[in-house]
PDB file of N, CA and C in Angstrom:
ATOM      1  N   MET A   1      -1.860 -68.918 -79.041  1.00  0.00           N
ATOM      2  CA  MET A   1      -1.287 -68.145 -79.557  1.00  0.00           C
ATOM      3  C   MET A   1      -0.149 -68.847 -80.688  1.00  0.00           C
ATOM      4  N   ARG A   2       1.097 -68.969 -81.353  1.00  0.00           N
ATOM      5  CA  ARG A   2       1.414 -69.212 -82.316  1.00  0.00           C
ATOM      6  C   ARG A   2       2.544 -70.092 -81.983  1.00  0.00           C
ATOM      7  N   ALA A   3       2.919 -71.151 -82.103  1.00  0.00           N
ATOM      8  CA  ALA A   3       3.988 -72.430 -81.809  1.00  0.00           C
ATOM      9  C   ALA A   3       5.120 -72.885 -82.907  1.00  0.00           C
ATOM     10  N   VAL A   4       5.617 -73.685 -83.175  1.00  0.00           N
ATOM     11  CA  VAL A   4       6.019 -74.669 -83.708  1.00  0.00           C
ATOM     12  C   VAL A   4       5.754 -75.536 -83.661  1.00  0.00           C
ATOM     13  N   ARG A   5       5.192 -76.733 -84.057  1.00  0.00           N
ATOM     14  CA  ARG A   5       5.411 -78.056 -83.829  1.00  0.00           C
ATOM     15  C   ARG A   5       5.709 -78.856 -84.890  1.00  0.00           C
ATOM     16  N   CYS A   6       5.632 -80.392 -83.844  1.00  0.00           N
ATOM     17  CA  CYS A   6       6.198 -81.810 -85.835  1.00  0.00           C
ATOM     18  C   CYS A   6       4.636 -82.270 -85.519  1.00  0.00           C
ATOM     19  N   VAL A   7       4.311 -82.360 -86.752  1.00  0.00           N
ATOM     20  CA  VAL A   7       2.963 -82.909 -86.705  1.00  0.00           C
ATOM     21  C   VAL A   7       3.403 -84.030 -88.134  1.00  0.00           C
ATOM     22  N   ASP A   8       2.781 -85.600 -87.700  1.00  0.00           N
ATOM     23  CA  ASP A   8       3.320 -86.111 -89.066  1.00  0.00           C
ATOM     24  C   ASP A   8       4.558 -85.795 -88.847  1.00  0.00           C
ATOM     25  N   HIS A   9       5.596 -86.035 -88.388  1.00  0.00           N
ATOM     26  CA  HIS A   9       6.950 -85.649 -88.303  1.00  0.00           C
ATOM     27  C   HIS A   9       7.086 -84.754 -89.796  1.00  0.00           C
ATOM     28  N   GLN A  10       6.216 -83.131 -89.704  1.00  0.00           N
ATOM     29  CA  GLN A  10       6.716 -82.297 -90.225  1.00  0.00           C
ATOM     30  C   GLN A  10       6.757 -81.554 -89.273  1.00  0.00           C
ATOM     31  N   VAL A  11       7.803 -80.000 -89.948  1.00  0.00           N
ATOM     32  CA  VAL A  11       8.079 -78.492 -88.447  1.00  0.00           C
ATOM     33  C   VAL A  11       6.302 -78.399 -89.147  1.00  0.00           C
ATOM     34  N   VAL A  12       5.324 -77.177 -88.498  1.00  0.00           N
ATOM     35  CA  VAL A  12       4.551 -76.585 -88.494  1.00  0.00           C
ATOM     36  C   VAL A  12       4.372 -75.553 -88.282  1.00  0.00           C
ATOM     37  N   CYS A  13       3.705 -74.827 -87.727  1.00  0.00           N
ATOM     38  CA  CYS A  13       3.409 -73.560 -86.952  1.00  0.00           C
ATOM     39  C   CYS A  13       1.649 -73.684 -86.950  1.00  0.00           C
ATOM     40  N   SER A  14       1.220 -73.757 -85.618  1.00  0.00           N
ATOM     41  CA  SER A  14       0.348 -73.911 -85.185  1.00  0.00           C
ATOM     42  C   SER A  14      -0.189 -73.117 -84.241  1.00  0.00           C
ATOM     43  N   GLU A  15      -1.379 -73.210 -83.926  1.00  0.00           N
ATOM     44  CA  GLU A  15      -2.491 -71.834 -82.907  1.00  0.00           C
ATOM     45  C   GLU A  15      -2.207 -73.075 -81.883  1.00  0.00           C
ATOM     46  N   VAL A  16      -1.659 -73.002 -80.621  1.00  0.00           N
ATOM     47  CA  VAL A  16      -2.327 -73.750 -79.612  1.00  0.00           C
ATOM     48  C   VAL A  16      -3.044 -72.483 -78.150  1.00  0.00           C
ATOM     49  N   PRO A  17      -3.488 -73.111 -76.970  1.00  0.00           N
ATOM     50  CA  PRO A  17      -3.726 -72.376 -76.155  1.00  0.00           C
ATOM     51  C   PRO A  17      -2.671 -71.569 -75.396  1.00  0.00           C
ATOM     52  N   GLU A  18      -2.806 -70.716 -74.596  1.00  0.00           N
ATOM     53  CA  GLU A  18      -1.774 -69.810 -74.204  1.00  0.00           C
ATOM     54  C   GLU A  18      -1.667 -70.823 -72.500  1.00  0.00           C
ATOM     55  N   PRO A  19      -0.444 -71.466 -72.767  1.00  0.00           N
ATOM     56  CA  PRO A  19      -0.050 -71.944 -71.615  1.00  0.00           C
ATOM     57  C   PRO A  19      -0.584 -71.974 -69.584  1.00  0.00           C
ATOM     58  N   SER A  20      -0.784 -72.235 -68.866  1.00  0.00           N
ATOM     59  CA  SER A  20      -1.915 -72.368 -67.568  1.00  0.00           C
ATOM     60  C   SER A  20      -0.966 -73.070 -66.721  1.00  0.00           C
ATOM     61  N   GLY A  21      -1.153 -72.219 -65.530  1.00  0.00           N
ATOM     62  CA  GLY A  21      -0.217 -73.296 -64.315  1.00  0.00           C
ATOM     63  C   GLY A  21       0.619 -72.403 -63.881  1.00  0.00           C
ATOM     64  N   ASP A  22       1.537 -72.871 -63.121  1.00  0.00           N
ATOM     65  CA  ASP A  22       2.852 -72.617 -61.994  1.00  0.00           C
ATOM     66  C   ASP A  22       3.534 -71.831 -63.169  1.00  0.00           C
ATOM     67  N   GLY A  23       4.252 -70.639 -63.016  1.00  0.00           N
ATOM     68  CA  GLY A  23       5.631 -70.776 -63.890  1.00  0.00           C
ATOM     69  C   GLY A  23       6.145 -69.078 -64.010  1.00  0.00           C
ATOM     70  N   VAL A  24       6.646 -68.737 -64.987  1.00  0.00           N
ATOM     71  CA  VAL A  24       6.614 -67.311 -65.014  1.00  0.00           C
ATOM     72  C   VAL A  24       6.835 -67.319 -67.436  1.00  0.00           C
ATOM     73  N   ARG A  25       5.830 -66.072 -66.693  1.00  0.00           N
ATOM     74  CA  ARG A  25       5.704 -65.372 -68.088  1.00  0.00           C
ATOM     75  C   ARG A  25       6.591 -64.967 -69.251  1.00  0.00           C
ATOM     76  N   VAL A  26       7.359 -65.714 -70.200  1.00  0.00           N
ATOM     77  CA  VAL A  26       7.940 -65.092 -70.931  1.00  0.00           C
ATOM     78  C   VAL A  26       7.944 -64.835 -72.494  1.00  0.00           C
ATOM     79  N   THR A  27       7.423 -62.972 -72.914  1.00  0.00           N
ATOM     80  CA  THR A  27       7.419 -63.539 -74.084  1.00  0.00           C
ATOM     81  C   THR A  27       8.545 -63.372 -74.756  1.00  0.00           C
ATOM     82  N   ILE A  28       8.273 -64.478 -75.501  1.00  0.00           N
ATOM     83  CA  ILE A  28       8.925 -64.382 -76.349  1.00  0.00           C
ATOM     84  C   ILE A  28       9.977 -63.810 -78.238  1.00  0.00           C
ATOM     85  N   ALA A  29      10.720 -63.436 -77.699  1.00  0.00           N
ATOM     86  CA  ALA A  29      11.703 -62.075 -78.397  1.00  0.00           C
ATOM     87  C   ALA A  29      12.283 -63.167 -80.442  1.00  0.00           C
ATOM     88  N   SER A  30      12.890 -64.141 -79.488  1.00  0.00           N
ATOM     89  CA  SER A  30      13.548 -65.129 -80.118  1.00  0.00           C
ATOM     90  C   SER A  30      14.129 -66.181 -79.683  1.00  0.00           C
ATOM     91  N   ALA A  31      14.019 -67.609 -81.302  1.00  0.00           N
ATOM     92  CA  ALA A  31      13.514 -68.577 -80.487  1.00  0.00           C
ATOM     93  C   ALA A  31      14.283 -69.361 -81.986  1.00  0.00           C
ATOM     94  N   GLY A  32      14.447 -70.311 -81.734  1.00  0.00           N
ATOM     95  CA  GLY A  32      15.771 -70.986 -82.651  1.00  0.00           C
ATOM     96  C   GLY A  32      15.181 -72.552 -82.795  1.00  0.00           C
ATOM     97  N   VAL A  33      15.123 -73.358 -83.801  1.00  0.00           N
ATOM     98  CA  VAL A  33      14.660 -74.576 -84.432  1.00  0.00           C
ATOM     99  C   VAL A  33      16.462 -75.202 -84.938  1.00  0.00           C
ATOM    100  N   CYS A  34      16.920 -75.902 -83.479  1.00  0.00           N
ATOM    101  CA  CYS A  34      18.338 -76.329 -84.636  1.00  0.00           C
ATOM    102  C   CYS A  34      18.492 -77.778 -85.081  1.00  0.00           C
ATOM    103  N   GLY A  35      19.365 -78.289 -85.383  1.00  0.00           N
ATOM    104  CA  GLY A  35      19.352 -79.643 -86.302  1.00  0.00           C
ATOM    105  C   GLY A  35      18.961 -80.575 -84.973  1.00  0.00           C
ATOM    106  N   SER A  36      18.932 -80.438 -83.989  1.00  0.00           N
ATOM    107  CA  SER A  36      18.748 -81.563 -82.801  1.00  0.00           C
ATOM    108  C   SER A  36      17.449 -81.777 -82.991  1.00  0.00           C
ATOM    109  N   ASP A  37      16.537 -80.330 -83.198  1.00  0.00           N
ATOM    110  CA  ASP A  37      14.834 -80.311 -83.441  1.00  0.00           C
ATOM    111  C   ASP A  37      14.647 -81.101 -84.229  1.00  0.00           C
ATOM    112  N   LEU A  38      15.131 -81.034 -85.621  1.00  0.00           N
ATOM    113  CA  LEU A  38      14.334 -81.064 -86.694  1.00  0.00           C
ATOM    114  C   LEU A  38      15.066 -82.689 -86.740  1.00  0.00           C
ATOM    115  N   HIS A  39      16.748 -83.366 -85.858  1.00  0.00           N
ATOM    116  CA  HIS A  39      16.574 -85.099 -86.008  1.00  0.00           C
ATOM    117  C   HIS A  39      15.901 -85.395 -85.126  1.00  0.00           C
ATOM    118  N   MET A  40      15.297 -85.299 -83.792  1.00  0.00           N
ATOM    119  CA  MET A  40      14.470 -85.250 -83.124  1.00  0.00           C
ATOM    120  C   MET A  40      13.108 -85.877 -84.263  1.00  0.00           C
ATOM    121  N   VAL A  41      12.765 -84.656 -84.889  1.00  0.00           N
ATOM    122  CA  VAL A  41      10.972 -84.874 -85.972  1.00  0.00           C
ATOM    123  C   VAL A  41      11.392 -85.942 -87.372  1.00  0.00           C
ATOM    124  N   ASP A  42      12.606 -86.235 -87.246  1.00  0.00           N
ATOM    125  CA  ASP A  42      12.547 -87.211 -88.470  1.00  0.00           C
ATOM    126  C   ASP A  42      12.667 -88.654 -87.239  1.00  0.00           C
ATOM    127  N   VAL A  43      13.178 -89.250 -86.012  1.00  0.00           N
ATOM    128  CA  VAL A  43      12.938 -90.158 -85.772  1.00  0.00           C
ATOM    129  C   VAL A  43      12.270 -90.553 -84.790  1.00  0.00           C
ATOM    130  N   MET A  44      11.535 -89.453 -83.893  1.00  0.00           N
ATOM    131  CA  MET A  44      10.340 -89.227 -83.369  1.00  0.00           C
ATOM    132  C   MET A  44       9.206 -89.181 -83.102  1.00  0.00           C
ATOM    133  N   PRO A  45       7.642 -88.775 -83.171  1.00  0.00           N
ATOM    134  CA  PRO A  45       7.089 -87.542 -83.163  1.00  0.00           C
ATOM    135  C   PRO A  45       6.979 -87.132 -81.818  1.00  0.00           C
ATOM    136  N   THR A  46       6.969 -86.022 -81.236  1.00  0.00           N
ATOM    137  CA  THR A  46       7.084 -85.030 -80.301  1.00  0.00           C
ATOM    138  C   THR A  46       5.966 -84.579 -80.058  1.00  0.00           C
ATOM    139  N   VAL A  47       5.460 -83.768 -78.921  1.00  0.00           N
ATOM    140  CA  VAL A  47       3.995 -83.524 -78.942  1.00  0.00           C
ATOM    141  C   VAL A  47       4.482 -81.806 -78.016  1.00  0.00           C
ATOM    142  N   ALA A  48       6.153 -81.888 -77.819  1.00  0.00           N
ATOM    143  CA  ALA A  48       5.934 -80.436 -77.766  1.00  0.00           C
ATOM    144  C   ALA A  48       6.539 -79.486 -78.543  1.00  0.00           C
ATOM    145  N   THR A  49       6.185 -78.200 -77.857  1.00  0.00           N
ATOM    146  CA  THR A  49       6.731 -76.942 -78.768  1.00  0.00           C
ATOM    147  C   THR A  49       8.386 -77.224 -78.941  1.00  0.00           C
ATOM    148  N   LEU A  50       8.499 -76.844 -80.100  1.00  0.00           N
ATOM    149  CA  LEU A  50       9.894 -76.669 -80.750  1.00  0.00           C
ATOM    150  C   LEU A  50      10.551 -76.144 -80.806  1.00  0.00           C
ATOM    151  N   GLY A  51      12.092 -76.103 -80.205  1.00  0.00           N
ATOM    152  CA  GLY A  51      12.770 -74.730 -80.167  1.00  0.00           C
ATOM    153  C   GLY A  51      13.006 -74.754 -78.298  1.00  0.00           C
ATOM    154  N   HIS A  52      14.522 -75.279 -77.766  1.00  0.00           N
ATOM    155  CA  HIS A  52      14.770 -74.969 -76.863  1.00  0.00           C
ATOM    156  C   HIS A  52      15.770 -74.284 -76.031  1.00  0.00           C
ATOM    157  N   GLU A  53      16.203 -73.337 -77.347  1.00  0.00           N
ATOM    158  CA  GLU A  53      16.477 -72.147 -77.759  1.00  0.00           C
ATOM    159  C   GLU A  53      15.547 -70.700 -77.849  1.00  0.00           C
ATOM    160  N   PHE A  54      15.686 -70.269 -76.734  1.00  0.00           N
ATOM    161  CA  PHE A  54      14.672 -69.489 -76.659  1.00  0.00           C
ATOM    162  C   PHE A  54      15.135 -67.950 -75.548  1.00  0.00           C
ATOM    163  N   ALA A  55      14.298 -66.849 -75.876  1.00  0.00           N
ATOM    164  CA  ALA A  55      14.432 -65.702 -74.910  1.00  0.00           C
ATOM    165  C   ALA A  55      13.537 -64.613 -75.335  1.00  0.00           C
ATOM    166  N   GLY A  56      13.597 -63.538 -74.342  1.00  0.00           N
ATOM    167  CA  GLY A  56      12.956 -62.746 -74.542  1.00  0.00           C
ATOM    168  C   GLY A  56      12.569 -61.923 -73.073  1.00  0.00           C
ATOM    169  N   THR A  57      11.444 -61.632 -72.883  1.00  0.00           N
ATOM    170  CA  THR A  57      11.566 -60.320 -71.595  1.00  0.00           C
ATOM    171  C   THR A  57      10.177 -60.817 -70.771  1.00  0.00           C
ATOM    172  N   LEU A  58      10.859 -60.953 -69.456  1.00  0.00           N
ATOM    173  CA  LEU A  58       9.638 -60.976 -68.170  1.00  0.00           C
ATOM    174  C   LEU A  58       8.648 -59.494 -68.462  1.00  0.00           C
ATOM    175  N   ASP A  59       7.355 -59.436 -67.894  1.00  0.00           N
ATOM    176  CA  ASP A  59       6.427 -58.991 -68.040  1.00  0.00           C
ATOM    177  C   ASP A  59       6.519 -57.482 -67.491  1.00  0.00           C
ATOM    178  N   ASP A  60       7.388 -57.645 -66.170  1.00  0.00           N
ATOM    179  CA  ASP A  60       8.202 -56.762 -65.841  1.00  0.00           C
ATOM    180  C   ASP A  60       9.644 -55.710 -66.296  1.00  0.00           C
ATOM    181  N   GLY A  61       9.465 -56.689 -67.246  1.00  0.00           N
ATOM    182  CA  GLY A  61      10.252 -55.603 -68.718  1.00  0.00           C
ATOM    183  C   GLY A  61      12.200 -56.673 -68.742  1.00  0.00           C
ATOM    184  N   ARG A  62      12.268 -57.495 -68.028  1.00  0.00           N
ATOM    185  CA  ARG A  62      13.784 -57.782 -67.993  1.00  0.00           C
ATOM    186  C   ARG A  62      13.875 -58.398 -69.093  1.00  0.00           C
ATOM    187  N   LEU A  63      14.940 -58.702 -69.583  1.00  0.00           N
ATOM    188  CA  LEU A  63      15.657 -59.345 -70.348  1.00  0.00           C
ATOM    189  C   LEU A  63      15.925 -60.209 -70.051  1.00  0.00           C
ATOM    190  N   VAL A  64      15.017 -61.360 -70.973  1.00  0.00           N
ATOM    191  CA  VAL A  64      15.698 -62.915 -70.471  1.00  0.00           C
ATOM    192  C   VAL A  64      16.291 -64.267 -71.109  1.00  0.00           C
ATOM    193  N   ALA A  65      17.534 -64.886 -71.061  1.00  0.00           N
ATOM    194  CA  ALA A  65      17.382 -65.796 -72.456  1.00  0.00           C
ATOM    195  C   ALA A  65      17.273 -67.210 -71.153  1.00  0.00           C
ATOM    196  N   VAL A  66      16.481 -68.516 -71.783  1.00  0.00           N
ATOM    197  CA  VAL A  66      15.717 -69.757 -70.982  1.00  0.00           C
ATOM    198  C   VAL A  66      17.329 -70.425 -70.783  1.00  0.00           C
ATOM    199  N   GLU A  67      17.433 -71.090 -69.397  1.00  0.00           N
ATOM    200  CA  GLU A  67      18.334 -72.705 -69.567  1.00  0.00           C
ATOM    201  C   GLU A  67      16.816 -73.622 -69.301  1.00  0.00           C
ATOM    202  N   PRO A  68      16.833 -74.246 -70.225  1.00  0.00           N
ATOM    203  CA  PRO A  68      15.904 -75.273 -70.804  1.00  0.00           C
ATOM    204  C   PRO A  68      15.461 -76.640 -70.045  1.00  0.00           C
ATOM    205  N   ILE A  69      16.124 -76.762 -68.191  1.00  0.00           N
ATOM    206  CA  ILE A  69      15.896 -77.368 -67.699  1.00  0.00           C
ATOM    207  C   ILE A  69      14.749 -77.253 -67.209  1.00  0.00           C
ATOM    208  N   GLY A  70      14.244 -78.068 -66.644  1.00  0.00           N
ATOM    209  CA  GLY A  70      12.409 -78.451 -65.480  1.00  0.00           C
ATOM    210  C   GLY A  70      13.538 -79.091 -64.816  1.00  0.00           C
ATOM    211  N   ALA A  71      14.143 -78.690 -63.746  1.00  0.00           N
ATOM    212  CA  ALA A  71      14.948 -79.660 -63.097  1.00  0.00           C
ATOM    213  C   ALA A  71      13.828 -79.450 -61.382  1.00  0.00           C
ATOM    214  N   CYS A  72      14.223 -80.559 -60.247  1.00  0.00           N
ATOM    215  CA  CYS A  72      13.429 -79.995 -59.118  1.00  0.00           C
ATOM    216  C   CYS A  72      13.611 -78.829 -58.537  1.00  0.00           C
ATOM    217  N   ARG A  73      15.475 -78.127 -58.395  1.00  0.00           N
ATOM    218  CA  ARG A  73      15.931 -77.350 -57.868  1.00  0.00           C
ATOM    219  C   ARG A  73      15.971 -78.138 -56.106  1.00  0.00           C
ATOM    220  N   ARG A  74      15.746 -79.077 -55.589  1.00  0.00           N
ATOM    221  CA  ARG A  74      15.375 -79.029 -54.110  1.00  0.00           C
ATOM    222  C   ARG A  74      16.085 -80.239 -53.770  1.00  0.00           C
ATOM    223  N   CYS A  75      16.667 -80.968 -54.681  1.00  0.00           N
ATOM    224  CA  CYS A  75      17.686 -82.327 -53.913  1.00  0.00           C
ATOM    225  C   CYS A  75      19.268 -81.567 -54.468  1.00  0.00           C
ATOM    226  N   GLU A  76      20.023 -82.221 -53.713  1.00  0.00           N
ATOM    227  CA  GLU A  76      21.452 -82.690 -53.103  1.00  0.00           C
ATOM    228  C   GLU A  76      22.516 -82.106 -54.741  1.00  0.00           C
ATOM    229  N   ASP A  77      21.769 -82.262 -55.567  1.00  0.00           N
ATOM    230  CA  ASP A  77      22.611 -82.220 -56.883  1.00  0.00           C
ATOM    231  C   ASP A  77      21.758 -80.667 -57.380  1.00  0.00           C
ATOM    232  N   CYS A  78      20.923 -80.422 -57.856  1.00  0.00           N
ATOM    233  CA  CYS A  78      19.858 -79.351 -57.719  1.00  0.00           C
ATOM    234  C   CYS A  78      20.845 -78.190 -56.747  1.00  0.00           C
ATOM    235  N   LEU A  79      21.061 -77.963 -55.742  1.00  0.00           N
ATOM    236  CA  LEU A  79      21.191 -77.111 -54.460  1.00  0.00           C
ATOM    237  C   LEU A  79      22.486 -76.817 -54.913  1.00  0.00           C
ATOM    238  N   ALA A  80      23.389 -78.218 -55.864  1.00  0.00           N
ATOM    239  CA  ALA A  80      24.845 -78.267 -55.671  1.00  0.00           C
ATOM    240  C   ALA A  80      25.250 -77.301 -57.082  1.00  0.00           C
ATOM    241  N   GLY A  81      24.229 -76.923 -57.806  1.00  0.00           N
ATOM    242  CA  GLY A  81      24.115 -76.320 -59.252  1.00  0.00           C
ATOM    243  C   GLY A  81      24.217 -77.241 -59.889  1.00  0.00           C
ATOM    244  N   ARG A  82      24.061 -78.199 -59.969  1.00  0.00           N
ATOM    245  CA  ARG A  82      23.778 -79.595 -61.235  1.00  0.00           C
ATOM    246  C   ARG A  82      22.638 -79.625 -61.527  1.00  0.00           C
ATOM    247  N   PRO A  83      21.930 -79.188 -62.058  1.00  0.00           N
ATOM    248  CA  PRO A  83      20.505 -79.384 -62.218  1.00  0.00           C
ATOM    249  C   PRO A  83      20.314 -80.131 -63.759  1.00  0.00           C
ATOM    250  N   TYR A  84      20.907 -80.736 -64.249  1.00  0.00           N
ATOM    251  CA  TYR A  84      21.521 -82.232 -64.923  1.00  0.00           C
ATOM    252  C   TYR A  84      21.444 -82.776 -64.450  1.00  0.00           C
ATOM    253  N   HIS A  85      21.722 -82.651 -62.953  1.00  0.00           N
ATOM    254  CA  HIS A  85      22.103 -83.877 -62.564  1.00  0.00           C
ATOM    255  C   HIS A  85      20.631 -84.766 -61.480  1.00  0.00           C
ATOM    256  N   CYS A  86      19.211 -84.082 -61.568  1.00  0.00           N
ATOM    257  CA  CYS A  86      18.641 -83.604 -61.010  1.00  0.00           C
ATOM    258  C   CYS A  86      18.039 -85.681 -61.423  1.00  0.00           C
ATOM    259  N   ARG A  87      17.742 -85.507 -59.080  1.00  0.00           N
ATOM    260  CA  ARG A  87      17.862 -86.801 -58.798  1.00  0.00           C
ATOM    261  C   ARG A  87      16.403 -87.471 -59.063  1.00  0.00           C
ATOM    262  N   HIS A  88      14.864 -86.383 -59.367  1.00  0.00           N
ATOM    263  CA  HIS A  88      13.982 -86.633 -59.689  1.00  0.00           C
ATOM    264  C   HIS A  88      13.525 -86.490 -61.321  1.00  0.00           C
ATOM    265  N   GLY A  89      14.358 -86.619 -61.768  1.00  0.00           N
ATOM    266  CA  GLY A  89      14.021 -86.509 -63.528  1.00  0.00           C
ATOM    267  C   GLY A  89      14.359 -85.108 -64.089  1.00  0.00           C
ATOM    268  N   LEU A  90      14.108 -85.245 -65.447  1.00  0.00           N
ATOM    269  CA  LEU A  90      14.195 -84.411 -65.744  1.00  0.00           C
ATOM    270  C   LEU A  90      13.598 -83.752 -67.037  1.00  0.00           C
ATOM    271  N   GLU A  91      12.675 -82.386 -67.474  1.00  0.00           N
ATOM    272  CA  GLU A  91      11.831 -81.951 -68.875  1.00  0.00           C
ATOM    273  C   GLU A  91      12.898 -81.280 -69.030  1.00  0.00           C
ATOM    274  N   MET A  92      12.746 -81.404 -70.866  1.00  0.00           N
ATOM    275  CA  MET A  92      13.490 -80.111 -71.270  1.00  0.00           C
ATOM    276  C   MET A  92      12.541 -79.497 -71.672  1.00  0.00           C
ATOM    277  N   PHE A  93      12.244 -78.173 -71.574  1.00  0.00           N
ATOM    278  CA  PHE A  93      11.701 -77.164 -72.295  1.00  0.00           C
ATOM    279  C   PHE A  93      11.976 -77.324 -73.901  1.00  0.00           C
ATOM    280  N   GLY A  94      10.697 -77.391 -75.054  1.00  0.00           N
ATOM    281  CA  GLY A  94      11.263 -77.016 -76.539  1.00  0.00           C
ATOM    282  C   GLY A  94      11.297 -78.798 -76.737  1.00  0.00           C
ATOM    283  N   VAL A  95      11.722 -79.979 -76.233  1.00  0.00           N
ATOM    284  CA  VAL A  95      11.924 -80.918 -76.162  1.00  0.00           C
ATOM    285  C   VAL A  95      10.813 -82.423 -75.723  1.00  0.00           C
ATOM    286  N   THR A  96      11.134 -82.201 -74.426  1.00  0.00           N
ATOM    287  CA  THR A  96       9.721 -83.191 -73.574  1.00  0.00           C
ATOM    288  C   THR A  96       8.695 -82.095 -72.559  1.00  0.00           C
ATOM    289  N   ALA A  97       8.395 -81.271 -72.927  1.00  0.00           N
ATOM    290  CA  ALA A  97       7.784 -80.399 -72.577  1.00  0.00           C
ATOM    291  C   ALA A  97       7.186 -79.310 -72.829  1.00  0.00           C
ATOM    292  N   ASP A  98       6.257 -77.922 -73.183  1.00  0.00           N
ATOM    293  CA  ASP A  98       6.245 -76.853 -73.499  1.00  0.00           C
ATOM    294  C   ASP A  98       6.472 -75.712 -72.522  1.00  0.00           C
TER     295      ASP A  98
END
């Protein structure tokens, strides 16, 4: 599958393996690479697929926009609706994680 990645501080379209493991499959219809992504590529190399703003469809056809936060969803802050304050650390899809 194709993905936009950082290679040697350059934005390139690369072939990457299909994701595996737990999660929900979203067939991406639209994704954006914003100024924050481009700044990150200049400052530090990242191994994650770029683009933390994306939307698409689930396998059952439902349309979704993705909140790019990988929080535990079990700690006090997550349960109170504050996943950005997760006590177990955050992953940001399109920044620190695919």
